[in-house]
């Protein structure tokens, strides 16, 4: 596995643990912190992996990265924010 992908996977694991902690313990005034945590994580990680793939991935499959970037901006982040408000 290439180093940028490994760095991204480690950061993703840390974010996931932080998210689980936040869902259990952030209440009231801290809800805005949880909101930023969810919005940041669901937006940054797919875009990070897409840019890494654009830089070091196969040229013939770079369209997948552009699909990931667009899907993140217009589908993944809005849905995650909606689900946070709906169920948290």
N, C-alpha and C. Protein backbone atom coordinates (compact mmCIF):
# COMPACT_ATOMS: atom_id res chain seq x y z
N UNK A 1 0.85 -1.17 0.00
CA UNK A 1 0.00 0.00 0.00
C UNK A 1 0.90 1.23 0.00
N UNK A 2 0.50 2.21 -0.76
CA UNK A 2 1.29 3.43 -0.83
C UNK A 2 1.09 4.29 0.41
N UNK A 3 2.10 5.04 0.74
CA UNK A 3 2.10 5.82 1.98
C UNK A 3 0.94 6.82 2.08
N UNK A 4 0.59 7.59 1.04
CA UNK A 4 -0.54 8.52 1.20
C UNK A 4 -1.86 7.83 1.53
N UNK A 5 -2.07 6.64 0.97
CA UNK A 5 -3.29 5.91 1.30
C UNK A 5 -3.27 5.45 2.75
N UNK A 6 -2.11 5.03 3.23
CA UNK A 6 -1.99 4.58 4.61
C UNK A 6 -2.23 5.73 5.58
N UNK A 7 -1.69 6.90 5.27
CA UNK A 7 -1.93 8.08 6.10
C UNK A 7 -3.42 8.40 6.15
N UNK A 8 -4.07 8.34 5.01
CA UNK A 8 -5.50 8.61 4.96
C UNK A 8 -6.31 7.61 5.75
N UNK A 9 -5.95 6.34 5.69
CA UNK A 9 -6.67 5.32 6.45
C UNK A 9 -6.50 5.49 7.95
N UNK A 10 -5.31 5.88 8.38
CA UNK A 10 -5.09 6.14 9.80
C UNK A 10 -5.92 7.34 10.26
N UNK A 11 -5.93 8.40 9.48
CA UNK A 11 -6.74 9.57 9.83
C UNK A 11 -8.23 9.24 9.84
N UNK A 12 -8.66 8.40 8.90
CA UNK A 12 -10.06 7.98 8.85
C UNK A 12 -10.43 7.18 10.10
N UNK A 13 -9.55 6.32 10.55
CA UNK A 13 -9.81 5.54 11.77
C UNK A 13 -9.90 6.46 12.99
N UNK A 14 -9.00 7.43 13.09
CA UNK A 14 -9.04 8.38 14.21
C UNK A 14 -10.33 9.18 14.18
N UNK A 15 -10.73 9.64 12.99
CA UNK A 15 -11.98 10.40 12.87
C UNK A 15 -13.17 9.55 13.27
N UNK A 16 -13.20 8.28 12.88
CA UNK A 16 -14.32 7.41 13.20
C UNK A 16 -14.44 7.20 14.71
N UNK A 17 -13.31 7.00 15.39
CA UNK A 17 -13.34 6.85 16.85
C UNK A 17 -13.82 8.14 17.50
N UNK A 18 -13.33 9.28 17.01
CA UNK A 18 -13.75 10.57 17.54
C UNK A 18 -15.24 10.79 17.31
N UNK A 19 -15.75 10.38 16.15
CA UNK A 19 -17.17 10.50 15.87
C UNK A 19 -18.00 9.66 16.83
N UNK A 20 -17.61 8.42 17.07
CA UNK A 20 -18.33 7.57 18.01
C UNK A 20 -18.32 8.17 19.41
N UNK A 21 -17.18 8.72 19.82
CA UNK A 21 -17.11 9.40 21.11
C UNK A 21 -18.06 10.59 21.14
N UNK A 22 -18.04 11.38 20.08
CA UNK A 22 -18.89 12.56 20.03
C UNK A 22 -20.37 12.23 20.06
N UNK A 23 -20.77 11.17 19.37
CA UNK A 23 -22.18 10.79 19.38
C UNK A 23 -22.64 10.37 20.77
N UNK A 24 -21.74 9.84 21.56
CA UNK A 24 -22.11 9.38 22.90
C UNK A 24 -22.05 10.48 23.95
N UNK A 25 -21.14 11.43 23.81
CA UNK A 25 -20.89 12.36 24.91
C UNK A 25 -21.15 13.83 24.60
N UNK A 26 -21.31 14.23 23.35
CA UNK A 26 -21.56 15.64 23.06
C UNK A 26 -23.05 15.92 23.17
N UNK A 27 -23.42 16.84 24.04
CA UNK A 27 -24.82 17.20 24.24
C UNK A 27 -24.93 18.71 24.38
N UNK A 28 -26.10 19.22 24.11
CA UNK A 28 -26.38 20.62 24.32
C UNK A 28 -25.50 21.56 23.53
N UNK A 29 -24.72 22.37 24.24
CA UNK A 29 -23.87 23.37 23.59
C UNK A 29 -22.79 22.74 22.72
N UNK A 30 -22.41 21.52 23.02
CA UNK A 30 -21.37 20.86 22.25
C UNK A 30 -21.89 20.29 20.93
N UNK A 31 -23.19 20.41 20.67
CA UNK A 31 -23.75 19.86 19.45
C UNK A 31 -23.13 20.50 18.22
N UNK A 32 -22.79 21.78 18.29
CA UNK A 32 -22.15 22.43 17.14
C UNK A 32 -20.78 21.82 16.86
N UNK A 33 -20.08 21.39 17.90
CA UNK A 33 -18.80 20.71 17.70
C UNK A 33 -19.01 19.39 16.98
N UNK A 34 -20.04 18.65 17.36
CA UNK A 34 -20.35 17.40 16.68
C UNK A 34 -20.75 17.64 15.24
N UNK A 35 -21.51 18.70 15.00
CA UNK A 35 -21.91 19.05 13.64
C UNK A 35 -20.69 19.31 12.76
N UNK A 36 -19.75 20.09 13.26
CA UNK A 36 -18.53 20.37 12.50
C UNK A 36 -17.70 19.10 12.30
N UNK A 37 -17.67 18.25 13.29
CA UNK A 37 -16.94 16.98 13.18
C UNK A 37 -17.51 16.12 12.07
N UNK A 38 -18.82 16.00 12.01
CA UNK A 38 -19.46 15.18 10.97
C UNK A 38 -19.27 15.80 9.60
N UNK A 39 -19.53 17.09 9.49
CA UNK A 39 -19.41 17.75 8.19
C UNK A 39 -17.96 17.71 7.69
N UNK A 40 -17.02 17.94 8.57
CA UNK A 40 -15.61 17.93 8.19
C UNK A 40 -15.18 16.53 7.75
N UNK A 41 -15.49 15.54 8.53
CA UNK A 41 -15.05 14.18 8.22
C UNK A 41 -15.66 13.62 6.97
N UNK A 42 -16.96 13.81 6.80
CA UNK A 42 -17.60 13.24 5.61
C UNK A 42 -17.21 13.99 4.35
N UNK A 43 -16.73 15.20 4.49
CA UNK A 43 -16.29 15.93 3.31
C UNK A 43 -14.83 15.77 2.98
N UNK A 44 -14.00 15.79 3.99
CA UNK A 44 -12.56 15.81 3.76
C UNK A 44 -12.00 14.46 3.32
N UNK A 45 -12.44 13.39 3.94
CA UNK A 45 -11.81 12.11 3.64
C UNK A 45 -12.07 11.60 2.22
N UNK A 46 -13.28 11.63 1.72
CA UNK A 46 -13.44 11.21 0.32
C UNK A 46 -12.67 12.10 -0.66
N UNK A 47 -12.64 13.39 -0.37
CA UNK A 47 -11.90 14.29 -1.26
C UNK A 47 -10.40 14.03 -1.15
N UNK A 48 -9.90 13.75 0.05
CA UNK A 48 -8.48 13.41 0.22
C UNK A 48 -8.11 12.20 -0.63
N UNK A 49 -8.89 11.13 -0.51
CA UNK A 49 -8.58 9.92 -1.27
C UNK A 49 -8.73 10.15 -2.77
N UNK A 50 -9.68 10.99 -3.17
CA UNK A 50 -9.83 11.30 -4.59
C UNK A 50 -8.63 12.06 -5.13
N UNK A 51 -8.15 13.04 -4.39
CA UNK A 51 -6.98 13.79 -4.84
C UNK A 51 -5.72 12.92 -4.86
N UNK A 52 -5.59 12.04 -3.88
CA UNK A 52 -4.45 11.13 -3.89
C UNK A 52 -4.51 10.25 -5.13
N UNK A 53 -5.70 9.77 -5.45
CA UNK A 53 -5.84 8.93 -6.65
C UNK A 53 -5.56 9.74 -7.92
N UNK A 54 -5.97 11.01 -7.93
CA UNK A 54 -5.66 11.85 -9.09
C UNK A 54 -4.16 12.02 -9.27
N UNK A 55 -3.43 12.14 -8.17
CA UNK A 55 -2.00 12.38 -8.24
C UNK A 55 -1.18 11.13 -8.53
N UNK A 56 -1.52 10.00 -7.92
CA UNK A 56 -0.67 8.82 -8.07
C UNK A 56 -1.40 7.62 -8.65
N UNK A 57 -2.66 7.77 -8.99
CA UNK A 57 -3.42 6.64 -9.52
C UNK A 57 -3.25 6.46 -11.02
N UNK A 58 -3.90 5.44 -11.53
CA UNK A 58 -3.85 5.16 -12.96
C UNK A 58 -4.59 6.25 -13.73
N UNK A 59 -4.03 6.66 -14.84
CA UNK A 59 -4.64 7.73 -15.64
C UNK A 59 -6.00 7.31 -16.20
N UNK A 60 -6.13 6.04 -16.57
CA UNK A 60 -7.37 5.58 -17.19
C UNK A 60 -8.54 5.53 -16.21
N UNK A 61 -8.26 5.57 -14.91
CA UNK A 61 -9.32 5.48 -13.91
C UNK A 61 -9.49 6.77 -13.11
N UNK A 62 -8.97 7.87 -13.61
CA UNK A 62 -9.07 9.12 -12.86
C UNK A 62 -10.49 9.70 -12.85
N UNK A 63 -11.32 9.27 -13.76
CA UNK A 63 -12.70 9.75 -13.76
C UNK A 63 -13.40 9.37 -12.46
N UNK A 64 -12.98 8.25 -11.85
CA UNK A 64 -13.58 7.82 -10.58
C UNK A 64 -13.32 8.87 -9.50
N UNK A 65 -12.16 9.47 -9.53
CA UNK A 65 -11.83 10.51 -8.55
C UNK A 65 -12.74 11.72 -8.70
N UNK A 66 -12.99 12.13 -9.94
CA UNK A 66 -13.87 13.28 -10.16
C UNK A 66 -15.30 12.96 -9.73
N UNK A 67 -15.75 11.74 -9.96
CA UNK A 67 -17.08 11.34 -9.49
C UNK A 67 -17.12 11.39 -7.97
N UNK A 68 -16.05 10.94 -7.31
CA UNK A 68 -16.00 10.99 -5.85
C UNK A 68 -16.03 12.40 -5.30
N UNK A 69 -15.33 13.30 -5.95
CA UNK A 69 -15.31 14.70 -5.49
C UNK A 69 -16.69 15.33 -5.63
N UNK A 70 -17.33 15.14 -6.76
CA UNK A 70 -18.67 15.71 -6.99
C UNK A 70 -19.70 15.06 -6.07
N UNK A 71 -19.64 13.74 -5.92
CA UNK A 71 -20.59 13.05 -5.04
C UNK A 71 -20.42 13.50 -3.59
N UNK A 72 -19.20 13.74 -3.18
CA UNK A 72 -18.96 14.21 -1.81
C UNK A 72 -19.61 15.56 -1.58
N UNK A 73 -19.39 16.47 -2.50
CA UNK A 73 -19.90 17.83 -2.32
C UNK A 73 -21.43 17.91 -2.38
N UNK A 74 -22.04 17.12 -3.24
CA UNK A 74 -23.48 17.29 -3.47
C UNK A 74 -24.35 16.18 -2.91
N UNK A 75 -23.76 15.08 -2.44
CA UNK A 75 -24.57 13.99 -1.90
C UNK A 75 -24.14 13.60 -0.49
N UNK A 76 -22.89 13.24 -0.31
CA UNK A 76 -22.44 12.65 0.96
C UNK A 76 -22.53 13.65 2.11
N UNK A 77 -22.00 14.84 1.94
CA UNK A 77 -22.02 15.83 3.03
C UNK A 77 -23.45 16.27 3.37
N UNK A 78 -24.29 16.64 2.39
CA UNK A 78 -25.66 17.02 2.76
C UNK A 78 -26.44 15.89 3.45
N UNK A 79 -26.27 14.67 2.99
CA UNK A 79 -26.98 13.54 3.61
C UNK A 79 -26.48 13.31 5.03
N UNK A 80 -25.18 13.42 5.25
CA UNK A 80 -24.65 13.21 6.61
C UNK A 80 -25.14 14.30 7.56
N UNK A 81 -25.22 15.53 7.08
CA UNK A 81 -25.73 16.61 7.93
C UNK A 81 -27.21 16.40 8.23
N UNK A 82 -27.98 15.99 7.24
CA UNK A 82 -29.40 15.70 7.46
C UNK A 82 -29.57 14.59 8.49
N UNK A 83 -28.81 13.51 8.34
CA UNK A 83 -28.93 12.39 9.28
C UNK A 83 -28.50 12.79 10.69
N UNK A 84 -27.52 13.66 10.80
CA UNK A 84 -27.10 14.13 12.11
C UNK A 84 -28.24 14.90 12.78
N UNK A 85 -28.87 15.82 12.06
CA UNK A 85 -29.97 16.58 12.64
C UNK A 85 -31.18 15.70 12.91
N UNK A 86 -31.37 14.70 12.10
CA UNK A 86 -32.55 13.85 12.24
C UNK A 86 -32.44 12.91 13.43
N UNK A 87 -31.27 12.33 13.65
CA UNK A 87 -31.15 11.27 14.63
C UNK A 87 -30.30 11.60 15.85
N UNK A 88 -29.60 12.72 15.85
CA UNK A 88 -28.76 13.03 17.02
C UNK A 88 -29.51 13.89 18.01
